[in-house]
Amino acid sequence: MSLLHSRILGEGQPLVILHGFLGMGDNWKTLANKFAADGFQVHLVDQRNHGRSFHASGFSYELMATDLLAYMDHHGLDKANLIGHSMGGKTVMEFAVNHPQRVLKLIVADIAPKSYPQHHQAILKGLGLLWDAQLDSRSQADELLATEVPDAGVRQFLLKNLYWKEKGLLGLRMNLPVLAENIEEVGKPLAADAHYTGPTLFLKGARSDYILPMDEILIKRHFPEAQVAEVSAAGHWLHAENPREFYQKVLNFL
């Protein structure tokens, strides 16, 4: 079985971090350095079809949870603290309900165990333009992406996927064709009968609508020991928009 790519920082109790859709582990590098300084061995993992991890035709939360299990087995992690943001949050939820004995504490960032409608159409269309283009500069990629994605902050996040395929030619690290083909998988809910009774923290952005007040009933149904807390002055990318408060809330929970 193919193994997920990761960057490992620090020594101590294992803390595995899973990024969101179209992201990569390196998005969390600044926070990871802080956790490492506080005595954790931080694993910044790229999920399948993202970052430097392997490309595969299969894409689902069941498969991504199995990837995480294989990763922990390979690195000798009997148990670990898990943080997952957005898509990564769905992955760690799936992992926890299927392998509760392998989880120390579970942190889910700005995602609920419910179904979400597909809402990445413009982003995927913009990335498709980059995929088909002959890109020789990041400014050219930004200009092209802006035709579909006007938000500069979102473009900056997406353009972190660029890398030099060869001299003078940029490419995208993610497996865009498979991600676009399987986009409906990203919004799928946790199974109705799924439960995890270990210590769990859900963090939601104060300006995000990914976790609504009514969702807390569903969260408690699946995760009866869950705490739900808010990160102020932050939207969906709460760990990047208010890293200090996000970090402190996570550290207090751990």
C-alpha atoms as a PDB file:
ATOM      1  CA  MET A   1       0.000   0.000   0.000  1.00  0.00           C
ATOM      2  CA  SER A   2       1.217   3.521  -0.808  1.00  0.00           C
ATOM      3  CA  LEU A   3       2.278   5.635   2.158  1.00  0.00           C
ATOM      4  CA  LEU A   4       1.225   9.219   2.773  1.00  0.00           C
ATOM      5  CA  HIS A   5       3.919  11.883   2.613  1.00  0.00           C
ATOM      6  CA  SER A   6       4.564  13.844   5.789  1.00  0.00           C
ATOM      7  CA  ARG A   7       6.865  16.301   7.513  1.00  0.00           C
ATOM      8  CA  ILE A   8       7.641  15.342  11.138  1.00  0.00           C
ATOM      9  CA  LEU A   9       8.614  18.025  13.650  1.00  0.00           C
ATOM     10  CA  GLY A  10       9.648  17.730  17.293  1.00  0.00           C
ATOM     11  CA  GLU A  11       9.604  14.922  19.828  1.00  0.00           C
ATOM     12  CA  GLY A  12       7.006  13.798  22.340  1.00  0.00           C
ATOM     13  CA  GLN A  13       3.364  12.767  22.255  1.00  0.00           C
ATOM     14  CA  PRO A  14       2.223  12.224  18.630  1.00  0.00           C
ATOM     15  CA  LEU A  15       0.006  14.903  17.073  1.00  0.00           C
ATOM     16  CA  VAL A  16      -1.164  14.197  13.525  1.00  0.00           C
ATOM     17  CA  ILE A  17      -2.599  17.095  11.505  1.00  0.00           C
ATOM     18  CA  LEU A  18      -4.728  16.616   8.381  1.00  0.00           C
ATOM     19  CA  HIS A  19      -5.350  19.568   6.041  1.00  0.00           C
ATOM     20  CA  GLY A  20      -8.510  20.477   4.158  1.00  0.00           C
ATOM     21  CA  PHE A  21      -9.583  20.082   0.521  1.00  0.00           C
ATOM     22  CA  LEU A  22      -6.963  21.346  -1.971  1.00  0.00           C
ATOM     23  CA  GLY A  23      -4.526  22.026   0.878  1.00  0.00           C
ATOM     24  CA  MET A  24      -1.404  20.265   2.136  1.00  0.00           C
ATOM     25  CA  GLY A  25       0.412  19.646   5.386  1.00  0.00           C
ATOM     26  CA  ASP A  26       2.785  22.568   4.840  1.00  0.00           C
ATOM     27  CA  ASN A  27      -0.165  24.958   5.281  1.00  0.00           C
ATOM     28  CA  TRP A  28       0.156  24.145   9.011  1.00  0.00           C
ATOM     29  CA  LYS A  29       3.943  24.542   9.345  1.00  0.00           C
ATOM     30  CA  THR A  30       3.900  27.649  11.561  1.00  0.00           C
ATOM     31  CA  LEU A  31       1.456  26.142  14.064  1.00  0.00           C
ATOM     32  CA  ALA A  32       3.274  22.807  13.897  1.00  0.00           C
ATOM     33  CA  ASN A  33       6.506  24.481  15.016  1.00  0.00           C
ATOM     34  CA  LYS A  34       4.685  25.893  18.048  1.00  0.00           C
ATOM     35  CA  PHE A  35       3.201  22.503  18.970  1.00  0.00           C
ATOM     36  CA  ALA A  36       6.630  20.893  18.546  1.00  0.00           C
ATOM     37  CA  ALA A  37       8.145  23.481  20.887  1.00  0.00           C
ATOM     38  CA  ASP A  38       5.510  22.511  23.463  1.00  0.00           C
ATOM     39  CA  GLY A  39       6.551  18.860  23.518  1.00  0.00           C
ATOM     40  CA  PHE A  40       4.601  17.197  20.704  1.00  0.00           C
ATOM     41  CA  GLN A  41       5.870  15.127  17.800  1.00  0.00           C
ATOM     42  CA  VAL A  42       3.892  16.764  15.000  1.00  0.00           C
ATOM     43  CA  HIS A  43       3.083  14.885  11.793  1.00  0.00           C
ATOM     44  CA  LEU A  44       2.041  17.206   8.956  1.00  0.00           C
ATOM     45  CA  VAL A  45       0.422  14.756   6.559  1.00  0.00           C
ATOM     46  CA  ASP A  46      -0.552  15.232   2.907  1.00  0.00           C
ATOM     47  CA  GLN A  47      -3.732  13.271   2.178  1.00  0.00           C
ATOM     48  CA  ARG A  48      -4.039  11.178  -0.993  1.00  0.00           C
ATOM     49  CA  ASN A  49      -4.222  13.185  -4.233  1.00  0.00           C
ATOM     50  CA  HIS A  50      -2.905  16.246  -2.360  1.00  0.00           C
ATOM     51  CA  GLY A  51       0.531  17.767  -1.828  1.00  0.00           C
ATOM     52  CA  ARG A  52       3.392  15.319  -2.229  1.00  0.00           C
ATOM     53  CA  SER A  53       1.338  12.212  -1.421  1.00  0.00           C
ATOM     54  CA  PHE A  54       0.476   9.547  -3.956  1.00  0.00           C
ATOM     55  CA  HIS A  55      -2.144   9.945  -6.664  1.00  0.00           C
ATOM     56  CA  ALA A  56      -4.875   7.315  -6.835  1.00  0.00           C
ATOM     57  CA  SER A  57      -8.182   6.887  -8.659  1.00  0.00           C
ATOM     58  CA  GLY A  58     -10.051   6.094  -5.430  1.00  0.00           C
ATOM     59  CA  PHE A  59     -11.118   9.001  -3.233  1.00  0.00           C
ATOM     60  CA  SER A  60     -13.398   8.708  -0.190  1.00  0.00           C
ATOM     61  CA  TYR A  61     -13.298   9.218   3.559  1.00  0.00           C
ATOM     62  CA  GLU A  62     -13.152   5.455   4.087  1.00  0.00           C
ATOM     63  CA  LEU A  63     -10.022   5.293   1.929  1.00  0.00           C
ATOM     64  CA  MET A  64      -8.448   8.343   3.587  1.00  0.00           C
ATOM     65  CA  ALA A  65      -9.072   6.889   7.058  1.00  0.00           C
ATOM     66  CA  THR A  66      -7.424   3.644   5.893  1.00  0.00           C
ATOM     67  CA  ASP A  67      -4.473   5.700   4.599  1.00  0.00           C
ATOM     68  CA  LEU A  68      -4.141   7.278   8.044  1.00  0.00           C
ATOM     69  CA  LEU A  69      -4.187   3.869   9.747  1.00  0.00           C
ATOM     70  CA  ALA A  70      -1.424   2.616   7.429  1.00  0.00           C
ATOM     71  CA  TYR A  71       0.571   5.789   8.117  1.00  0.00           C
ATOM     72  CA  MET A  72       0.311   5.359  11.896  1.00  0.00           C
ATOM     73  CA  ASP A  73       1.229   1.680  11.646  1.00  0.00           C
ATOM     74  CA  HIS A  74       4.277   2.485   9.489  1.00  0.00           C
ATOM     75  CA  HIS A  75       5.518   5.131  11.940  1.00  0.00           C
ATOM     76  CA  GLY A  76       4.827   3.007  15.010  1.00  0.00           C
ATOM     77  CA  LEU A  77       2.142   5.337  16.374  1.00  0.00           C
ATOM     78  CA  ASP A  78       0.031   3.134  18.638  1.00  0.00           C
ATOM     79  CA  LYS A  79      -2.077   6.162  19.583  1.00  0.00           C
ATOM     80  CA  ALA A  80      -2.070   9.787  18.502  1.00  0.00           C
ATOM     81  CA  ASN A  81      -3.844  13.082  18.986  1.00  0.00           C
ATOM     82  CA  LEU A  82      -5.596  14.006  15.745  1.00  0.00           C
ATOM     83  CA  ILE A  83      -6.401  17.427  14.297  1.00  0.00           C
ATOM     84  CA  GLY A  84      -8.371  17.666  11.067  1.00  0.00           C
ATOM     85  CA  HIS A  85      -9.555  20.800   9.289  1.00  0.00           C
ATOM     86  CA  SER A  86     -12.575  20.723   6.948  1.00  0.00           C
ATOM     87  CA  MET A  87     -12.040  17.656   4.710  1.00  0.00           C
ATOM     88  CA  GLY A  88      -9.322  16.551   7.124  1.00  0.00           C
ATOM     89  CA  GLY A  89     -11.869  16.879   9.925  1.00  0.00           C
ATOM     90  CA  LYS A  90     -14.149  14.440   8.140  1.00  0.00           C
ATOM     91  CA  THR A  91     -11.201  12.061   7.735  1.00  0.00           C
ATOM     92  CA  VAL A  92     -10.280  12.110  11.436  1.00  0.00           C
ATOM     93  CA  MET A  93     -13.949  11.650  12.399  1.00  0.00           C
ATOM     94  CA  GLU A  94     -14.134   8.596  10.136  1.00  0.00           C
ATOM     95  CA  PHE A  95     -10.877   7.293  11.610  1.00  0.00           C
ATOM     96  CA  ALA A  96     -11.986   7.815  15.223  1.00  0.00           C
ATOM     97  CA  VAL A  97     -15.292   5.969  14.884  1.00  0.00           C
ATOM     98  CA  ASN A  98     -13.557   3.019  13.208  1.00  0.00           C
ATOM     99  CA  HIS A  99     -10.341   2.934  15.283  1.00  0.00           C
ATOM    100  CA  PRO A 100     -11.176   4.544  18.645  1.00  0.00           C
ATOM    101  CA  GLN A 101      -8.388   2.684  20.409  1.00  0.00           C
ATOM    102  CA  ARG A 102      -5.822   4.518  18.256  1.00  0.00           C
ATOM    103  CA  VAL A 103      -6.959   8.033  19.221  1.00  0.00           C
ATOM    104  CA  LEU A 104      -5.769   9.969  22.278  1.00  0.00           C
ATOM    105  CA  LYS A 105      -7.778  13.151  21.688  1.00  0.00           C
ATOM    106  CA  LEU A 106      -9.725  14.310  18.647  1.00  0.00           C
ATOM    107  CA  ILE A 107      -9.863  17.914  17.393  1.00  0.00           C
ATOM    108  CA  VAL A 108     -12.142  18.802  14.462  1.00  0.00           C
ATOM    109  CA  ALA A 109     -11.724  22.262  12.921  1.00  0.00           C
ATOM    110  CA  ASP A 110     -14.756  23.954  11.351  1.00  0.00           C
ATOM    111  CA  ILE A 111     -16.657  21.001   9.946  1.00  0.00           C
ATOM    112  CA  ALA A 112     -19.650  19.014  11.232  1.00  0.00           C
ATOM    113  CA  PRO A 113     -20.492  15.343  10.633  1.00  0.00           C
ATOM    114  CA  LYS A 114     -23.343  16.387   8.300  1.00  0.00           C
ATOM    115  CA  SER A 115     -23.722  16.489   4.523  1.00  0.00           C
ATOM    116  CA  TYR A 116     -22.548  19.620   2.687  1.00  0.00           C
ATOM    117  CA  PRO A 117     -23.626  20.695  -0.803  1.00  0.00           C
ATOM    118  CA  GLN A 118     -20.931  20.915  -3.447  1.00  0.00           C
ATOM    119  CA  HIS A 119     -19.659  24.495  -3.512  1.00  0.00           C
ATOM    120  CA  HIS A 120     -16.228  24.375  -5.142  1.00  0.00           C
ATOM    121  CA  GLN A 121     -17.367  24.760  -8.762  1.00  0.00           C
ATOM    122  CA  ALA A 122     -15.621  28.094  -9.460  1.00  0.00           C
ATOM    123  CA  ILE A 123     -12.415  27.000  -7.714  1.00  0.00           C
ATOM    124  CA  LEU A 124     -12.269  23.744  -9.679  1.00  0.00           C
ATOM    125  CA  LYS A 125     -12.957  25.604 -12.925  1.00  0.00           C
ATOM    126  CA  GLY A 126     -10.154  28.052 -12.161  1.00  0.00           C
ATOM    127  CA  LEU A 127      -7.716  25.285 -11.253  1.00  0.00           C
ATOM    128  CA  GLY A 128      -8.720  23.518 -14.465  1.00  0.00           C
ATOM    129  CA  LEU A 129      -7.508  26.571 -16.396  1.00  0.00           C
ATOM    130  CA  LEU A 130      -4.142  26.275 -14.643  1.00  0.00           C
ATOM    131  CA  TRP A 131      -4.026  22.524 -15.250  1.00  0.00           C
ATOM    132  CA  ASP A 132      -4.423  23.034 -19.011  1.00  0.00           C
ATOM    133  CA  ALA A 133      -2.119  26.065 -19.321  1.00  0.00           C
ATOM    134  CA  GLN A 134       1.601  26.300 -19.981  1.00  0.00           C
ATOM    135  CA  LEU A 135       2.533  28.299 -16.894  1.00  0.00           C
ATOM    136  CA  ASP A 136       5.941  29.948 -16.633  1.00  0.00           C
ATOM    137  CA  SER A 137       5.324  32.295 -13.679  1.00  0.00           C
ATOM    138  CA  ARG A 138       3.258  32.513 -10.516  1.00  0.00           C
ATOM    139  CA  SER A 139       1.931  35.906 -11.580  1.00  0.00           C
ATOM    140  CA  GLN A 140       0.595  34.363 -14.784  1.00  0.00           C
ATOM    141  CA  ALA A 141      -1.099  31.628 -12.740  1.00  0.00           C
ATOM    142  CA  ASP A 142      -2.620  34.187 -10.363  1.00  0.00           C
ATOM    143  CA  GLU A 143      -3.954  36.276 -13.249  1.00  0.00           C
ATOM    144  CA  LEU A 144      -5.542  33.233 -14.877  1.00  0.00           C
ATOM    145  CA  LEU A 145      -7.016  31.926 -11.625  1.00  0.00           C
ATOM    146  CA  ALA A 146      -8.484  35.377 -10.846  1.00  0.00           C
ATOM    147  CA  THR A 147     -10.891  35.007 -13.772  1.00  0.00           C
ATOM    148  CA  GLU A 148     -12.792  32.402 -11.708  1.00  0.00           C
ATOM    149  CA  VAL A 149     -11.611  33.081  -8.126  1.00  0.00           C
ATOM    150  CA  PRO A 150     -11.731  36.823  -7.329  1.00  0.00           C
ATOM    151  CA  ASP A 151     -10.776  36.464  -3.644  1.00  0.00           C
ATOM    152  CA  ALA A 152      -7.020  37.097  -3.382  1.00  0.00           C
ATOM    153  CA  GLY A 153      -6.712  35.170  -0.111  1.00  0.00           C
ATOM    154  CA  VAL A 154      -8.306  32.045  -1.587  1.00  0.00           C
ATOM    155  CA  ARG A 155      -6.061  32.328  -4.658  1.00  0.00           C
ATOM    156  CA  GLN A 156      -2.973  32.615  -2.450  1.00  0.00           C
ATOM    157  CA  PHE A 157      -4.013  29.425  -0.649  1.00  0.00           C
ATOM    158  CA  LEU A 158      -4.634  27.550  -3.917  1.00  0.00           C
ATOM    159  CA  LEU A 159      -1.434  28.755  -5.576  1.00  0.00           C
ATOM    160  CA  LYS A 160       0.624  27.086  -2.849  1.00  0.00           C
ATOM    161  CA  ASN A 161      -0.006  23.945  -4.913  1.00  0.00           C
ATOM    162  CA  LEU A 162       2.251  25.254  -7.700  1.00  0.00           C
ATOM    163  CA  TYR A 163       5.665  23.691  -8.188  1.00  0.00           C
ATOM    164  CA  TRP A 164       8.313  23.640 -10.911  1.00  0.00           C
ATOM    165  CA  LYS A 165       7.733  20.493 -12.967  1.00  0.00           C
ATOM    166  CA  GLU A 166      10.790  21.396 -15.003  1.00  0.00           C
ATOM    167  CA  LYS A 167      12.772  24.539 -15.768  1.00  0.00           C
ATOM    168  CA  GLY A 168      10.339  27.236 -16.890  1.00  0.00           C
ATOM    169  CA  LEU A 169       7.189  25.139 -16.448  1.00  0.00           C
ATOM    170  CA  LEU A 170       4.907  25.202 -13.395  1.00  0.00           C
ATOM    171  CA  GLY A 171       2.421  22.484 -12.479  1.00  0.00           C
ATOM    172  CA  LEU A 172      -0.095  21.676  -9.736  1.00  0.00           C
ATOM    173  CA  ARG A 173       0.739  19.104  -7.079  1.00  0.00           C
ATOM    174  CA  MET A 174      -2.824  17.914  -6.486  1.00  0.00           C
ATOM    175  CA  ASN A 175      -4.473  15.230  -8.630  1.00  0.00           C
ATOM    176  CA  LEU A 176      -7.052  17.630 -10.013  1.00  0.00           C
ATOM    177  CA  PRO A 177      -8.863  15.265 -12.436  1.00  0.00           C
ATOM    178  CA  VAL A 178      -9.619  12.732  -9.686  1.00  0.00           C
ATOM    179  CA  LEU A 179     -10.592  15.405  -7.147  1.00  0.00           C
ATOM    180  CA  ALA A 180     -12.957  17.061  -9.634  1.00  0.00           C
ATOM    181  CA  GLU A 181     -14.477  13.724 -10.661  1.00  0.00           C
ATOM    182  CA  ASN A 182     -15.078  12.728  -7.022  1.00  0.00           C
ATOM    183  CA  ILE A 183     -16.041  16.147  -5.660  1.00  0.00           C
ATOM    184  CA  GLU A 184     -19.350  14.822  -4.249  1.00  0.00           C
ATOM    185  CA  GLU A 185     -17.340  12.637  -1.837  1.00  0.00           C
ATOM    186  CA  VAL A 186     -16.017  15.729  -0.048  1.00  0.00           C
ATOM    187  CA  GLY A 187     -19.432  16.740   1.275  1.00  0.00           C
ATOM    188  CA  LYS A 188     -20.595  13.308   2.412  1.00  0.00           C
ATOM    189  CA  PRO A 189     -21.779  12.911   6.024  1.00  0.00           C
ATOM    190  CA  LEU A 190     -20.583  10.535   8.691  1.00  0.00           C
ATOM    191  CA  ALA A 191     -22.607   7.312   8.773  1.00  0.00           C
ATOM    192  CA  ALA A 192     -25.803   7.686  10.824  1.00  0.00           C
ATOM    193  CA  ASP A 193     -24.777   4.970  13.314  1.00  0.00           C
ATOM    194  CA  ALA A 194     -21.165   6.178  13.759  1.00  0.00           C
ATOM    195  CA  HIS A 195     -20.064   6.947  17.335  1.00  0.00           C
ATOM    196  CA  TYR A 196     -16.860   7.923  19.104  1.00  0.00           C
ATOM    197  CA  THR A 197     -16.958   8.328  22.888  1.00  0.00           C
ATOM    198  CA  GLY A 198     -13.437   9.654  23.468  1.00  0.00           C
ATOM    199  CA  PRO A 199     -12.502  13.267  24.316  1.00  0.00           C
ATOM    200  CA  THR A 200     -13.344  15.492  21.345  1.00  0.00           C
ATOM    201  CA  LEU A 201     -13.129  19.208  20.602  1.00  0.00           C
ATOM    202  CA  PHE A 202     -14.970  20.883  17.730  1.00  0.00           C
ATOM    203  CA  LEU A 203     -13.684  24.365  16.944  1.00  0.00           C
ATOM    204  CA  LYS A 204     -15.739  26.663  14.722  1.00  0.00           C
ATOM    205  CA  GLY A 205     -14.880  30.027  13.206  1.00  0.00           C
ATOM    206  CA  ALA A 206     -17.033  32.874  14.529  1.00  0.00           C
ATOM    207  CA  ARG A 207     -17.540  34.142  10.967  1.00  0.00           C
ATOM    208  CA  SER A 208     -18.000  30.700   9.404  1.00  0.00           C
ATOM    209  CA  ASP A 209     -21.299  28.978   8.671  1.00  0.00           C
ATOM    210  CA  TYR A 210     -19.834  25.468   8.446  1.00  0.00           C
ATOM    211  CA  ILE A 211     -20.965  24.624  12.005  1.00  0.00           C
ATOM    212  CA  LEU A 212     -24.372  26.100  12.849  1.00  0.00           C
ATOM    213  CA  PRO A 213     -25.966  26.095  16.335  1.00  0.00           C
ATOM    214  CA  MET A 214     -28.388  23.359  15.227  1.00  0.00           C
ATOM    215  CA  ASP A 215     -25.439  21.158  14.195  1.00  0.00           C
ATOM    216  CA  GLU A 216     -24.360  20.770  17.811  1.00  0.00           C
ATOM    217  CA  ILE A 217     -27.216  18.288  18.366  1.00  0.00           C
ATOM    218  CA  LEU A 218     -25.831  16.081  15.586  1.00  0.00           C
ATOM    219  CA  ILE A 219     -22.274  16.489  16.877  1.00  0.00           C
ATOM    220  CA  LYS A 220     -23.329  15.284  20.337  1.00  0.00           C
ATOM    221  CA  ARG A 221     -25.187  12.348  18.804  1.00  0.00           C
ATOM    222  CA  HIS A 222     -22.032  11.089  17.104  1.00  0.00           C
ATOM    223  CA  PHE A 223     -19.518  12.382  19.680  1.00  0.00           C
ATOM    224  CA  PRO A 224     -21.254  12.413  23.094  1.00  0.00           C
ATOM    225  CA  GLU A 225     -18.156  13.721  24.920  1.00  0.00           C
ATOM    226  CA  ALA A 226     -17.601  16.564  22.462  1.00  0.00           C
ATOM    227  CA  GLN A 227     -16.986  20.163  23.457  1.00  0.00           C
ATOM    228  CA  VAL A 228     -17.853  22.837  20.894  1.00  0.00           C
ATOM    229  CA  ALA A 229     -15.902  26.106  21.087  1.00  0.00           C
ATOM    230  CA  GLU A 230     -15.596  29.186  18.905  1.00  0.00           C
ATOM    231  CA  VAL A 231     -12.506  30.935  17.556  1.00  0.00           C
ATOM    232  CA  SER A 232     -13.193  34.659  17.357  1.00  0.00           C
ATOM    233  CA  ALA A 233     -12.489  36.918  14.367  1.00  0.00           C
ATOM    234  CA  ALA A 234     -12.117  33.921  12.051  1.00  0.00           C
ATOM    235  CA  GLY A 235     -13.936  32.253   9.201  1.00  0.00           C
ATOM    236  CA  HIS A 236     -13.493  28.762   7.799  1.00  0.00           C
ATOM    237  CA  TRP A 237      -9.665  28.979   7.802  1.00  0.00           C
ATOM    238  CA  LEU A 238      -9.732  29.648  11.533  1.00  0.00           C
ATOM    239  CA  HIS A 239      -6.227  28.257  12.149  1.00  0.00           C
ATOM    240  CA  ALA A 240      -4.778  30.764   9.669  1.00  0.00           C
ATOM    241  CA  GLU A 241      -7.058  33.727  10.432  1.00  0.00           C
ATOM    242  CA  ASN A 242      -6.665  33.624  14.218  1.00  0.00           C
ATOM    243  CA  PRO A 243      -3.752  31.245  14.847  1.00  0.00           C
ATOM    244  CA  ARG A 244      -3.045  32.485  18.373  1.00  0.00           C
ATOM    245  CA  GLU A 245      -6.533  31.754  19.722  1.00  0.00           C
ATOM    246  CA  PHE A 246      -6.822  28.520  17.740  1.00  0.00           C
ATOM    247  CA  TYR A 247      -3.485  27.323  19.103  1.00  0.00           C
ATOM    248  CA  GLN A 248      -4.332  28.196  22.697  1.00  0.00           C
ATOM    249  CA  LYS A 249      -7.702  26.439  22.586  1.00  0.00           C
ATOM    250  CA  VAL A 250      -6.147  23.304  21.097  1.00  0.00           C
ATOM    251  CA  LEU A 251      -3.244  23.329  23.548  1.00  0.00           C
ATOM    252  CA  ASN A 252      -5.579  23.746  26.535  1.00  0.00           C
ATOM    253  CA  PHE A 253      -7.641  20.772  25.335  1.00  0.00           C
ATOM    254  CA  LEU A 254      -4.579  18.597  24.769  1.00  0.00           C
END
